[in-house]
């Protein structure tokens, strides 16, 4: 991913996933990501872990504001 693609990806997480994730536990978020990963075997290896990490970073950074 280019730097620009990474920024767009982070913005999409903040716009689409974070509003729901802020009220969820880490286990709930992880379970949803695992379900999506299992239902979409074409996703790249490591995508679920990277997505979870990005969600957690956004979630905890938004809670500190």
N, C-alpha and C. Protein backbone atom coordinates (compact mmCIF):
# COMPACT_ATOMS: atom_id res chain seq x y z
N UNK A 1 0.84 -1.18 0.00
CA UNK A 1 0.00 0.00 0.00
C UNK A 1 0.88 1.24 0.00
N UNK A 2 0.49 2.21 -0.79
CA UNK A 2 1.22 3.47 -0.78
C UNK A 2 0.84 4.26 0.47
N UNK A 3 1.59 5.29 0.76
CA UNK A 3 1.28 6.14 1.91
C UNK A 3 -0.11 6.76 1.76
N UNK A 4 -0.43 7.18 0.55
CA UNK A 4 -1.75 7.77 0.30
C UNK A 4 -2.86 6.73 0.52
N UNK A 5 -2.66 5.52 0.06
CA UNK A 5 -3.66 4.46 0.27
C UNK A 5 -3.83 4.14 1.75
N UNK A 6 -2.73 4.17 2.49
CA UNK A 6 -2.80 3.92 3.93
C UNK A 6 -3.63 5.00 4.63
N UNK A 7 -3.41 6.24 4.25
CA UNK A 7 -4.18 7.34 4.84
C UNK A 7 -5.66 7.23 4.51
N UNK A 8 -5.97 6.88 3.28
CA UNK A 8 -7.37 6.71 2.87
C UNK A 8 -8.00 5.57 3.67
N UNK A 9 -7.25 4.48 3.84
CA UNK A 9 -7.73 3.34 4.61
C UNK A 9 -8.02 3.75 6.05
N UNK A 10 -7.12 4.48 6.67
CA UNK A 10 -7.31 4.93 8.05
C UNK A 10 -8.53 5.86 8.16
N UNK A 11 -8.72 6.73 7.17
CA UNK A 11 -9.88 7.62 7.17
C UNK A 11 -11.17 6.82 7.06
N UNK A 12 -11.18 5.79 6.22
CA UNK A 12 -12.38 4.96 6.05
C UNK A 12 -12.71 4.21 7.34
N UNK A 13 -11.69 3.75 8.04
CA UNK A 13 -11.91 3.10 9.34
C UNK A 13 -12.57 4.08 10.29
N UNK A 14 -12.02 5.29 10.36
CA UNK A 14 -12.55 6.31 11.27
C UNK A 14 -13.99 6.68 10.91
N UNK A 15 -14.31 6.72 9.63
CA UNK A 15 -15.65 7.11 9.19
C UNK A 15 -16.68 6.00 9.32
N UNK A 16 -16.28 4.76 9.03
CA UNK A 16 -17.27 3.69 8.91
C UNK A 16 -17.29 2.71 10.08
N UNK A 17 -16.15 2.34 10.58
CA UNK A 17 -16.08 1.30 11.61
C UNK A 17 -16.04 1.89 13.01
N UNK A 18 -15.27 2.94 13.20
CA UNK A 18 -15.08 3.50 14.53
C UNK A 18 -16.36 3.93 15.24
N UNK A 19 -17.33 4.53 14.54
CA UNK A 19 -18.55 4.91 15.26
C UNK A 19 -19.23 3.73 15.96
N UNK A 20 -19.12 2.55 15.41
CA UNK A 20 -19.70 1.37 16.05
C UNK A 20 -18.74 0.76 17.06
N UNK A 21 -17.46 0.77 16.73
CA UNK A 21 -16.46 0.10 17.56
C UNK A 21 -16.23 0.79 18.90
N UNK A 22 -16.50 2.08 19.00
CA UNK A 22 -16.23 2.78 20.26
C UNK A 22 -17.07 2.22 21.41
N UNK A 23 -18.20 1.64 21.10
CA UNK A 23 -19.07 1.09 22.15
C UNK A 23 -18.98 -0.42 22.26
N UNK A 24 -17.97 -1.00 21.64
CA UNK A 24 -17.79 -2.44 21.67
C UNK A 24 -16.54 -2.80 22.45
N UNK A 25 -16.52 -4.01 22.98
CA UNK A 25 -15.31 -4.50 23.65
C UNK A 25 -14.32 -5.01 22.61
N UNK A 26 -13.09 -5.18 23.04
CA UNK A 26 -12.08 -5.72 22.13
C UNK A 26 -12.48 -7.10 21.63
N UNK A 27 -13.04 -7.92 22.51
CA UNK A 27 -13.46 -9.27 22.11
C UNK A 27 -14.57 -9.22 21.06
N UNK A 28 -15.51 -8.31 21.22
CA UNK A 28 -16.58 -8.19 20.23
C UNK A 28 -16.02 -7.79 18.87
N UNK A 29 -15.11 -6.83 18.87
CA UNK A 29 -14.50 -6.38 17.62
C UNK A 29 -13.71 -7.52 16.98
N UNK A 30 -12.92 -8.20 17.79
CA UNK A 30 -12.11 -9.31 17.28
C UNK A 30 -13.00 -10.41 16.68
N UNK A 31 -14.10 -10.74 17.36
CA UNK A 31 -15.00 -11.78 16.86
C UNK A 31 -15.63 -11.41 15.53
N UNK A 32 -16.00 -10.16 15.37
CA UNK A 32 -16.56 -9.72 14.08
C UNK A 32 -15.51 -9.82 12.98
N UNK A 33 -14.31 -9.39 13.27
CA UNK A 33 -13.23 -9.44 12.28
C UNK A 33 -12.93 -10.90 11.91
N UNK A 34 -12.90 -11.79 12.87
CA UNK A 34 -12.65 -13.21 12.59
C UNK A 34 -13.76 -13.78 11.71
N UNK A 35 -15.00 -13.43 12.00
CA UNK A 35 -16.12 -13.89 11.18
C UNK A 35 -15.98 -13.41 9.75
N UNK A 36 -15.67 -12.13 9.58
CA UNK A 36 -15.51 -11.57 8.23
C UNK A 36 -14.34 -12.25 7.52
N UNK A 37 -13.26 -12.47 8.24
CA UNK A 37 -12.09 -13.13 7.63
C UNK A 37 -12.44 -14.55 7.19
N UNK A 38 -13.18 -15.28 8.00
CA UNK A 38 -13.56 -16.65 7.66
C UNK A 38 -14.50 -16.70 6.47
N UNK A 39 -15.35 -15.69 6.33
CA UNK A 39 -16.30 -15.65 5.23
C UNK A 39 -15.69 -15.10 3.94
N UNK A 40 -14.48 -14.56 4.02
CA UNK A 40 -13.83 -13.95 2.86
C UNK A 40 -12.39 -14.45 2.74
N UNK A 41 -12.22 -15.70 2.30
CA UNK A 41 -10.87 -16.27 2.25
C UNK A 41 -9.93 -15.57 1.27
N UNK A 42 -10.47 -14.70 0.41
CA UNK A 42 -9.62 -14.00 -0.54
C UNK A 42 -8.88 -12.82 0.09
N UNK A 43 -9.21 -12.47 1.33
CA UNK A 43 -8.49 -11.38 2.01
C UNK A 43 -7.03 -11.78 2.20
N UNK A 44 -6.12 -10.83 2.10
CA UNK A 44 -4.70 -11.15 2.27
C UNK A 44 -4.40 -11.64 3.69
N UNK A 45 -3.41 -12.49 3.80
CA UNK A 45 -2.96 -12.98 5.11
C UNK A 45 -2.51 -11.78 5.93
N UNK A 46 -2.96 -11.71 7.16
CA UNK A 46 -2.58 -10.62 8.05
C UNK A 46 -3.50 -9.42 8.01
N UNK A 47 -4.45 -9.41 7.09
CA UNK A 47 -5.35 -8.26 6.97
C UNK A 47 -6.19 -8.09 8.24
N UNK A 48 -6.70 -9.18 8.79
CA UNK A 48 -7.54 -9.09 9.98
C UNK A 48 -6.77 -8.52 11.16
N UNK A 49 -5.54 -8.96 11.34
CA UNK A 49 -4.72 -8.44 12.44
C UNK A 49 -4.44 -6.96 12.27
N UNK A 50 -4.11 -6.57 11.04
CA UNK A 50 -3.83 -5.16 10.75
C UNK A 50 -5.08 -4.30 10.99
N UNK A 51 -6.24 -4.80 10.55
CA UNK A 51 -7.48 -4.07 10.73
C UNK A 51 -7.79 -3.91 12.22
N UNK A 52 -7.64 -4.98 12.99
CA UNK A 52 -7.88 -4.92 14.43
C UNK A 52 -6.97 -3.89 15.08
N UNK A 53 -5.70 -3.90 14.73
CA UNK A 53 -4.76 -2.94 15.31
C UNK A 53 -5.15 -1.51 14.98
N UNK A 54 -5.54 -1.27 13.73
CA UNK A 54 -5.93 0.07 13.34
C UNK A 54 -7.19 0.53 14.08
N UNK A 55 -8.14 -0.37 14.24
CA UNK A 55 -9.36 -0.03 14.98
C UNK A 55 -9.03 0.32 16.42
N UNK A 56 -8.17 -0.46 17.04
CA UNK A 56 -7.80 -0.21 18.43
C UNK A 56 -7.08 1.13 18.57
N UNK A 57 -6.18 1.43 17.65
CA UNK A 57 -5.47 2.71 17.70
C UNK A 57 -6.46 3.86 17.60
N UNK A 58 -7.37 3.78 16.63
CA UNK A 58 -8.37 4.84 16.46
C UNK A 58 -9.28 4.92 17.67
N UNK A 59 -9.70 3.78 18.17
CA UNK A 59 -10.63 3.75 19.31
C UNK A 59 -10.01 4.41 20.53
N UNK A 60 -8.80 4.04 20.88
CA UNK A 60 -8.19 4.58 22.09
C UNK A 60 -7.71 6.01 21.90
N UNK A 61 -7.34 6.38 20.69
CA UNK A 61 -6.99 7.78 20.45
C UNK A 61 -8.22 8.68 20.52
N UNK A 62 -9.35 8.20 20.04
CA UNK A 62 -10.57 9.01 20.10
C UNK A 62 -11.10 9.14 21.52
N UNK A 63 -10.84 8.16 22.37
CA UNK A 63 -11.27 8.22 23.77
C UNK A 63 -10.44 9.20 24.58
N UNK A 64 -9.25 9.53 24.11
CA UNK A 64 -8.38 10.43 24.84
C UNK A 64 -8.65 11.90 24.53
N UNK A 65 -9.47 12.16 23.54
CA UNK A 65 -9.74 13.54 23.15
C UNK A 65 -10.75 14.17 24.05
